[in-house]
Amino acid sequence: MGCWHENFYGGREIKAFEEAWAKQFNVKHAISVNSATSGLFCAIGAAGCGPEDEVIVTPYTMSATVVAPLIYNAIPVFADIEEDHFCLDPKSVESKITDKTKAIMVVDLFGHPYDRDAINAIAKKHNLVVIEDCAQAPAGKQGSDYAGTLA
């Protein structure tokens, strides 16, 4: 529904799906969208990214990861990937941070989650948001935590 209606948020089935998803992945909130691309757009917006803000991204990904910041007139900044898992290299990420950096968008690739400890520590140090694109790691885990819940 594109206008206010009792089904604006998807109706009874969607609400039940979101509740089941949140329970399965042990998270406080789950919001369904029509595609992973739309999810990235939502995440960039929720992070408050806007004109001239920089978002660190990977060059080794589907185009939506790089386009998402552009939708909000933010600037994607490419960092290098690590050799073993092809996820963002934490050292490269840190070298790309400027006073305009607002977020780091990580991609869990080929079932491998990003280096949560290193990237999240960098984000905390610089007061940045980490946005996790886990479309390529369904049910991937780091320890007991699922991909998509690490950021």
N, C-alpha and C. Protein backbone atom coordinates (compact mmCIF):
# COMPACT_ATOMS: atom_id res chain seq x y z
N MET A 1 0.85 -1.18 0.00
CA MET A 1 0.00 0.00 0.00
C MET A 1 0.89 1.24 0.00
N GLY A 2 0.59 2.16 -0.90
CA GLY A 2 1.37 3.37 -0.99
C GLY A 2 0.78 4.54 -0.22
N CYS A 3 -0.37 4.36 0.40
CA CYS A 3 -0.98 5.41 1.20
C CYS A 3 -1.32 4.81 2.57
N TRP A 4 -1.68 5.67 3.51
CA TRP A 4 -1.95 5.16 4.85
C TRP A 4 -3.15 4.22 4.81
N HIS A 5 -2.92 3.03 5.37
CA HIS A 5 -3.92 1.98 5.41
C HIS A 5 -3.43 0.97 6.44
N GLU A 6 -4.32 0.14 6.97
CA GLU A 6 -3.89 -0.84 7.98
C GLU A 6 -2.82 -1.79 7.43
N ASN A 7 -2.73 -1.93 6.13
CA ASN A 7 -1.70 -2.79 5.53
C ASN A 7 -0.48 -2.01 5.04
N PHE A 8 -0.37 -0.73 5.42
CA PHE A 8 0.76 0.09 4.98
C PHE A 8 2.08 -0.58 5.33
N TYR A 9 2.15 -1.20 6.48
CA TYR A 9 3.38 -1.87 6.91
C TYR A 9 3.40 -3.34 6.52
N GLY A 10 2.56 -3.73 5.57
CA GLY A 10 2.60 -5.08 5.05
C GLY A 10 1.48 -5.99 5.51
N GLY A 11 0.76 -5.60 6.50
CA GLY A 11 -0.33 -6.45 6.97
C GLY A 11 0.13 -7.50 7.97
N ARG A 12 -0.81 -8.31 8.37
CA ARG A 12 -0.59 -9.31 9.43
C ARG A 12 0.54 -10.29 9.09
N GLU A 13 0.58 -10.78 7.86
CA GLU A 13 1.59 -11.78 7.48
C GLU A 13 3.00 -11.21 7.52
N ILE A 14 3.15 -10.00 7.02
CA ILE A 14 4.47 -9.36 7.01
C ILE A 14 4.94 -9.07 8.43
N LYS A 15 4.05 -8.56 9.26
CA LYS A 15 4.41 -8.29 10.66
C LYS A 15 4.85 -9.59 11.36
N ALA A 16 4.14 -10.70 11.10
CA ALA A 16 4.50 -11.99 11.70
C ALA A 16 5.86 -12.45 11.17
N PHE A 17 6.10 -12.25 9.88
CA PHE A 17 7.39 -12.60 9.29
C PHE A 17 8.52 -11.82 9.94
N GLU A 18 8.34 -10.52 10.11
CA GLU A 18 9.37 -9.67 10.71
C GLU A 18 9.65 -10.10 12.16
N GLU A 19 8.61 -10.43 12.90
CA GLU A 19 8.80 -10.89 14.28
C GLU A 19 9.55 -12.21 14.33
N ALA A 20 9.22 -13.13 13.43
CA ALA A 20 9.91 -14.43 13.38
C ALA A 20 11.37 -14.24 12.98
N TRP A 21 11.62 -13.34 12.05
CA TRP A 21 12.99 -13.07 11.59
C TRP A 21 13.82 -12.50 12.74
N ALA A 22 13.27 -11.53 13.45
CA ALA A 22 13.98 -10.92 14.58
C ALA A 22 14.30 -11.98 15.64
N LYS A 23 13.36 -12.86 15.89
CA LYS A 23 13.59 -13.93 16.87
C LYS A 23 14.69 -14.89 16.39
N GLN A 24 14.62 -15.30 15.14
CA GLN A 24 15.62 -16.24 14.58
C GLN A 24 17.03 -15.69 14.68
N PHE A 25 17.18 -14.40 14.39
CA PHE A 25 18.51 -13.80 14.36
C PHE A 25 18.87 -13.04 15.63
N ASN A 26 18.00 -13.14 16.64
CA ASN A 26 18.26 -12.56 17.95
C ASN A 26 18.59 -11.06 17.87
N VAL A 27 17.71 -10.35 17.16
CA VAL A 27 17.86 -8.90 17.03
C VAL A 27 16.59 -8.21 17.51
N LYS A 28 16.71 -6.95 17.85
CA LYS A 28 15.58 -6.21 18.38
C LYS A 28 14.54 -5.87 17.30
N HIS A 29 15.00 -5.54 16.09
CA HIS A 29 14.10 -5.13 15.02
C HIS A 29 14.44 -5.86 13.73
N ALA A 30 13.42 -6.14 12.94
CA ALA A 30 13.59 -6.66 11.58
C ALA A 30 12.55 -5.96 10.71
N ILE A 31 13.00 -5.42 9.59
CA ILE A 31 12.12 -4.71 8.68
C ILE A 31 12.26 -5.35 7.31
N SER A 32 11.16 -5.79 6.75
CA SER A 32 11.22 -6.41 5.42
C SER A 32 11.14 -5.33 4.35
N VAL A 33 11.85 -5.56 3.27
CA VAL A 33 11.84 -4.69 2.10
C VAL A 33 11.75 -5.59 0.87
N ASN A 34 11.55 -5.00 -0.29
CA ASN A 34 11.35 -5.80 -1.49
C ASN A 34 12.64 -6.36 -2.08
N SER A 35 13.78 -5.86 -1.65
CA SER A 35 15.06 -6.34 -2.20
C SER A 35 16.21 -5.94 -1.30
N ALA A 36 17.33 -6.60 -1.47
CA ALA A 36 18.53 -6.23 -0.72
C ALA A 36 18.98 -4.82 -1.08
N THR A 37 18.80 -4.44 -2.33
CA THR A 37 19.14 -3.08 -2.76
C THR A 37 18.32 -2.06 -1.97
N SER A 38 17.02 -2.28 -1.86
CA SER A 38 16.17 -1.37 -1.09
C SER A 38 16.61 -1.33 0.37
N GLY A 39 17.05 -2.47 0.89
CA GLY A 39 17.56 -2.51 2.26
C GLY A 39 18.78 -1.61 2.44
N LEU A 40 19.67 -1.62 1.46
CA LEU A 40 20.85 -0.74 1.52
C LEU A 40 20.44 0.72 1.46
N PHE A 41 19.48 1.03 0.59
CA PHE A 41 19.00 2.41 0.52
C PHE A 41 18.42 2.84 1.87
N CYS A 42 17.64 1.97 2.48
CA CYS A 42 17.07 2.26 3.80
C CYS A 42 18.16 2.48 4.84
N ALA A 43 19.18 1.64 4.82
CA ALA A 43 20.25 1.73 5.81
C ALA A 43 21.04 3.03 5.68
N ILE A 44 21.34 3.42 4.45
CA ILE A 44 22.06 4.68 4.24
C ILE A 44 21.21 5.85 4.74
N GLY A 45 19.93 5.83 4.44
CA GLY A 45 19.04 6.88 4.93
C GLY A 45 18.95 6.90 6.44
N ALA A 46 18.83 5.72 7.04
CA ALA A 46 18.74 5.63 8.50
C ALA A 46 20.02 6.10 9.18
N ALA A 47 21.15 5.93 8.49
CA ALA A 47 22.44 6.39 9.04
C ALA A 47 22.59 7.90 8.94
N GLY A 48 21.66 8.54 8.24
CA GLY A 48 21.70 9.99 8.12
C GLY A 48 22.69 10.50 7.10
N CYS A 49 23.09 9.67 6.15
CA CYS A 49 24.04 10.10 5.13
C CYS A 49 23.38 11.06 4.16
N GLY A 50 24.11 12.11 3.79
CA GLY A 50 23.56 13.11 2.89
C GLY A 50 24.65 13.74 2.04
N PRO A 51 24.31 14.85 1.38
CA PRO A 51 25.26 15.50 0.48
C PRO A 51 26.62 15.76 1.13
N GLU A 52 27.64 15.37 0.40
CA GLU A 52 29.04 15.54 0.76
C GLU A 52 29.54 14.60 1.86
N ASP A 53 28.64 13.82 2.49
CA ASP A 53 29.12 12.80 3.43
C ASP A 53 29.80 11.71 2.62
N GLU A 54 30.81 11.10 3.21
CA GLU A 54 31.51 10.00 2.55
C GLU A 54 31.13 8.67 3.20
N VAL A 55 30.99 7.65 2.36
CA VAL A 55 30.71 6.30 2.81
C VAL A 55 31.79 5.41 2.22
N ILE A 56 32.53 4.74 3.07
CA ILE A 56 33.58 3.84 2.60
C ILE A 56 32.93 2.55 2.12
N VAL A 57 33.27 2.15 0.90
CA VAL A 57 32.69 0.97 0.28
C VAL A 57 33.79 0.10 -0.34
N THR A 58 33.40 -1.10 -0.73
CA THR A 58 34.32 -2.01 -1.40
C THR A 58 34.18 -1.88 -2.92
N PRO A 59 35.28 -2.06 -3.65
CA PRO A 59 35.18 -2.05 -5.10
C PRO A 59 34.77 -3.42 -5.65
N TYR A 60 34.70 -4.42 -4.79
CA TYR A 60 34.43 -5.79 -5.21
C TYR A 60 33.05 -6.21 -4.70
N THR A 61 32.01 -5.78 -5.43
CA THR A 61 30.65 -5.98 -4.97
C THR A 61 29.67 -5.76 -6.11
N MET A 62 28.42 -5.99 -5.84
CA MET A 62 27.35 -5.66 -6.78
C MET A 62 27.16 -4.14 -6.75
N SER A 63 26.75 -3.57 -7.84
CA SER A 63 26.69 -2.11 -7.98
C SER A 63 25.82 -1.41 -6.93
N ALA A 64 24.82 -2.07 -6.40
CA ALA A 64 23.91 -1.43 -5.43
C ALA A 64 24.66 -0.92 -4.20
N THR A 65 25.72 -1.59 -3.81
CA THR A 65 26.48 -1.18 -2.63
C THR A 65 27.09 0.20 -2.83
N VAL A 66 27.50 0.48 -4.05
CA VAL A 66 28.11 1.77 -4.36
C VAL A 66 27.04 2.81 -4.70
N VAL A 67 25.95 2.37 -5.30
CA VAL A 67 24.88 3.29 -5.69
C VAL A 67 24.12 3.81 -4.47
N ALA A 68 23.98 2.99 -3.43
CA ALA A 68 23.19 3.39 -2.25
C ALA A 68 23.60 4.76 -1.70
N PRO A 69 24.89 5.04 -1.48
CA PRO A 69 25.23 6.38 -1.00
C PRO A 69 24.86 7.47 -2.01
N LEU A 70 24.98 7.17 -3.30
CA LEU A 70 24.68 8.16 -4.33
C LEU A 70 23.22 8.59 -4.32
N ILE A 71 22.32 7.68 -3.91
CA ILE A 71 20.90 8.00 -3.84
C ILE A 71 20.66 9.19 -2.89
N TYR A 72 21.52 9.32 -1.89
CA TYR A 72 21.40 10.42 -0.91
C TYR A 72 22.43 11.51 -1.16
N ASN A 73 23.03 11.50 -2.34
CA ASN A 73 24.06 12.47 -2.72
C ASN A 73 25.30 12.39 -1.83
N ALA A 74 25.51 11.25 -1.23
CA ALA A 74 26.74 11.01 -0.48
C ALA A 74 27.79 10.48 -1.47
N ILE A 75 29.03 10.43 -1.04
CA ILE A 75 30.14 10.07 -1.91
C ILE A 75 30.69 8.71 -1.51
N PRO A 76 30.63 7.71 -2.41
CA PRO A 76 31.27 6.43 -2.10
C PRO A 76 32.78 6.56 -2.23
N VAL A 77 33.49 6.04 -1.25
CA VAL A 77 34.95 6.06 -1.25
C VAL A 77 35.44 4.62 -1.20
N PHE A 78 36.21 4.22 -2.20
CA PHE A 78 36.65 2.83 -2.27
C PHE A 78 37.85 2.55 -1.37
N ALA A 79 37.76 1.47 -0.61
CA ALA A 79 38.89 0.94 0.16
C ALA A 79 39.24 -0.42 -0.45
N ASP A 80 40.43 -0.89 -0.18
CA ASP A 80 40.87 -2.18 -0.72
C ASP A 80 40.21 -3.34 0.01
N ILE A 81 40.32 -4.51 -0.60
CA ILE A 81 39.79 -5.74 0.00
C ILE A 81 40.95 -6.59 0.51
N GLU A 82 40.63 -7.49 1.45
CA GLU A 82 41.63 -8.40 1.98
C GLU A 82 41.82 -9.58 1.03
N GLU A 83 42.98 -10.18 1.06
CA GLU A 83 43.34 -11.26 0.15
C GLU A 83 42.54 -12.54 0.34
N ASP A 84 42.28 -12.92 1.57
CA ASP A 84 41.72 -14.24 1.84
C ASP A 84 40.22 -14.34 1.62
N HIS A 85 39.45 -13.34 2.05
CA HIS A 85 37.99 -13.44 1.99
C HIS A 85 37.34 -12.38 1.10
N PHE A 86 38.14 -11.48 0.58
CA PHE A 86 37.66 -10.44 -0.34
C PHE A 86 36.72 -9.43 0.30
N CYS A 87 36.69 -9.37 1.62
CA CYS A 87 35.93 -8.35 2.34
C CYS A 87 36.83 -7.13 2.54
N LEU A 88 36.27 -6.02 3.00
CA LEU A 88 37.07 -4.81 3.20
C LEU A 88 38.26 -5.06 4.11
N ASP A 89 39.39 -4.53 3.72
CA ASP A 89 40.61 -4.61 4.50
C ASP A 89 40.60 -3.50 5.55
N PRO A 90 40.61 -3.85 6.84
CA PRO A 90 40.53 -2.83 7.88
C PRO A 90 41.61 -1.74 7.78
N LYS A 91 42.83 -2.10 7.41
CA LYS A 91 43.90 -1.09 7.29
C LYS A 91 43.57 -0.09 6.19
N SER A 92 43.07 -0.59 5.09
CA SER A 92 42.70 0.30 4.00
C SER A 92 41.53 1.19 4.40
N VAL A 93 40.56 0.61 5.08
CA VAL A 93 39.41 1.39 5.55
C VAL A 93 39.88 2.56 6.39
N GLU A 94 40.71 2.29 7.37
CA GLU A 94 41.16 3.36 8.27
C GLU A 94 41.92 4.45 7.50
N SER A 95 42.67 4.06 6.48
CA SER A 95 43.43 5.05 5.72
C SER A 95 42.53 5.96 4.87
N LYS A 96 41.30 5.56 4.64
CA LYS A 96 40.38 6.33 3.80
C LYS A 96 39.49 7.28 4.60
N ILE A 97 39.52 7.21 5.90
CA ILE A 97 38.64 8.02 6.74
C ILE A 97 39.09 9.49 6.73
N THR A 98 38.11 10.37 6.51
CA THR A 98 38.34 11.81 6.56
C THR A 98 37.31 12.42 7.51
N ASP A 99 37.36 13.73 7.64
CA ASP A 99 36.36 14.39 8.49
C ASP A 99 34.96 14.38 7.86
N LYS A 100 34.85 13.95 6.60
CA LYS A 100 33.56 13.86 5.92
C LYS A 100 32.98 12.44 5.97
N THR A 101 33.76 11.49 6.47
CA THR A 101 33.29 10.10 6.51
C THR A 101 32.16 9.96 7.52
N LYS A 102 31.06 9.35 7.07
CA LYS A 102 29.87 9.16 7.92
C LYS A 102 29.64 7.69 8.24
N ALA A 103 30.03 6.80 7.29
CA ALA A 103 29.72 5.38 7.46
C ALA A 103 30.72 4.51 6.71
N ILE A 104 30.74 3.26 7.12
CA ILE A 104 31.50 2.21 6.44
C ILE A 104 30.47 1.17 6.02
N MET A 105 30.40 0.88 4.72
CA MET A 105 29.49 -0.16 4.26
C MET A 105 30.31 -1.40 3.92
N VAL A 106 30.16 -2.41 4.77
CA VAL A 106 30.89 -3.66 4.57
C VAL A 106 30.02 -4.63 3.78
N VAL A 107 30.66 -5.56 3.09
CA VAL A 107 29.94 -6.60 2.36
C VAL A 107 30.48 -7.95 2.81
N ASP A 108 29.58 -8.79 3.30
CA ASP A 108 29.93 -10.17 3.63
C ASP A 108 29.89 -10.93 2.31
N LEU A 109 31.03 -11.48 1.90
CA LEU A 109 31.12 -12.02 0.55
C LEU A 109 31.45 -13.51 0.54
N PHE A 110 30.84 -14.24 -0.36
CA PHE A 110 31.06 -15.68 -0.53
C PHE A 110 30.85 -16.44 0.77
N GLY A 111 29.89 -15.99 1.56
CA GLY A 111 29.58 -16.65 2.82
C GLY A 111 30.47 -16.25 3.97
N HIS A 112 31.42 -15.35 3.74
CA HIS A 112 32.36 -14.92 4.78
C HIS A 112 31.98 -13.54 5.32
N PRO A 113 31.68 -13.44 6.60
CA PRO A 113 31.43 -12.12 7.19
C PRO A 113 32.70 -11.27 7.22
N TYR A 114 32.50 -9.99 7.23
CA TYR A 114 33.62 -9.04 7.32
C TYR A 114 34.34 -9.19 8.66
N ASP A 115 35.51 -8.58 8.80
CA ASP A 115 36.29 -8.62 10.04
C ASP A 115 35.62 -7.70 11.06
N ARG A 116 34.63 -8.24 11.74
CA ARG A 116 33.80 -7.46 12.68
C ARG A 116 34.64 -6.75 13.73
N ASP A 117 35.54 -7.45 14.36
CA ASP A 117 36.29 -6.85 15.47
C ASP A 117 37.09 -5.64 15.00
N ALA A 118 37.81 -5.79 13.90
CA ALA A 118 38.67 -4.69 13.43
C ALA A 118 37.85 -3.52 12.88
N ILE A 119 36.90 -3.81 12.00
CA ILE A 119 36.12 -2.73 11.38
C ILE A 119 35.25 -2.01 12.41
N ASN A 120 34.60 -2.76 13.29
CA ASN A 120 33.76 -2.12 14.31
C ASN A 120 34.59 -1.26 15.26
N ALA A 121 35.81 -1.70 15.57
CA ALA A 121 36.70 -0.90 16.43
C ALA A 121 37.08 0.40 15.73
N ILE A 122 37.36 0.33 14.44
CA ILE A 122 37.69 1.53 13.67
C ILE A 122 36.49 2.48 13.68
N ALA A 123 35.32 1.93 13.44
CA ALA A 123 34.10 2.75 13.42
C ALA A 123 33.87 3.43 14.77
N LYS A 124 34.05 2.68 15.83
CA LYS A 124 33.84 3.24 17.17
C LYS A 124 34.85 4.36 17.44
N LYS A 125 36.10 4.13 17.07
CA LYS A 125 37.16 5.11 17.27
C LYS A 125 36.85 6.43 16.57
N HIS A 126 36.23 6.34 15.38
CA HIS A 126 35.96 7.53 14.58
C HIS A 126 34.48 7.95 14.59
N ASN A 127 33.69 7.32 15.48
CA ASN A 127 32.27 7.63 15.61
C ASN A 127 31.52 7.50 14.28
N LEU A 128 31.70 6.35 13.62
CA LEU A 128 31.08 6.08 12.32
C LEU A 128 30.04 4.97 12.45
N VAL A 129 29.12 4.93 11.53
CA VAL A 129 28.12 3.88 11.45
C VAL A 129 28.66 2.78 10.55
N VAL A 130 28.46 1.52 10.93
CA VAL A 130 28.80 0.39 10.06
C VAL A 130 27.49 -0.16 9.52
N ILE A 131 27.42 -0.24 8.20
CA ILE A 131 26.26 -0.80 7.50
C ILE A 131 26.73 -2.12 6.88
N GLU A 132 26.01 -3.18 7.18
CA GLU A 132 26.42 -4.51 6.73
C GLU A 132 25.52 -5.02 5.62
N ASP A 133 26.11 -5.27 4.46
CA ASP A 133 25.42 -5.88 3.32
C ASP A 133 25.72 -7.37 3.38
N CYS A 134 24.75 -8.16 3.81
CA CYS A 134 24.98 -9.59 3.98
C CYS A 134 24.26 -10.44 2.94
N ALA A 135 23.89 -9.83 1.82
CA ALA A 135 23.14 -10.56 0.79
C ALA A 135 23.92 -11.75 0.23
N GLN A 136 25.25 -11.69 0.31
CA GLN A 136 26.08 -12.77 -0.24
C GLN A 136 26.56 -13.75 0.83
N ALA A 137 25.99 -13.68 2.00
CA ALA A 137 26.39 -14.59 3.09
C ALA A 137 25.17 -15.05 3.88
N PRO A 138 24.16 -15.58 3.19
CA PRO A 138 22.97 -16.01 3.93
C PRO A 138 23.33 -17.09 4.95
N ALA A 139 22.94 -16.87 6.17
CA ALA A 139 23.20 -17.78 7.29
C ALA A 139 24.68 -17.91 7.63
N GLY A 140 25.53 -17.03 7.07
CA GLY A 140 26.94 -17.02 7.46
C GLY A 140 27.06 -16.59 8.91
N LYS A 141 28.11 -17.04 9.56
CA LYS A 141 28.29 -16.70 10.98
C LYS A 141 29.72 -16.29 11.28
N GLN A 142 29.83 -15.47 12.30
CA GLN A 142 31.12 -15.18 12.92
C GLN A 142 30.92 -15.51 14.39
N GLY A 143 31.54 -16.59 14.82
CA GLY A 143 31.26 -17.11 16.15
C GLY A 143 29.83 -17.61 16.16
N SER A 144 29.04 -17.17 17.12
CA SER A 144 27.64 -17.58 17.18
C SER A 144 26.70 -16.53 16.59
N ASP A 145 27.26 -15.45 16.04
CA ASP A 145 26.44 -14.36 15.50
C ASP A 145 26.29 -14.48 14.00
N TYR A 146 25.08 -14.26 13.50
CA TYR A 146 24.79 -14.35 12.09
C TYR A 146 25.28 -13.12 11.33
N ALA A 147 25.70 -13.34 10.07
CA ALA A 147 25.95 -12.24 9.16
C ALA A 147 24.68 -11.40 9.10
N GLY A 148 24.86 -10.12 9.05
CA GLY A 148 23.70 -9.22 9.06
C GLY A 148 23.39 -8.67 10.43
N THR A 149 23.99 -9.27 11.47
CA THR A 149 23.80 -8.80 12.84
C THR A 149 25.11 -8.32 13.46
N LEU A 150 26.14 -8.23 12.66
CA LEU A 150 27.49 -7.96 13.17
C LEU A 150 27.81 -6.47 13.26
N ALA A 151 27.16 -5.67 12.43
CA ALA A 151 27.48 -4.22 12.38
C ALA A 151 26.83 -3.49 13.53
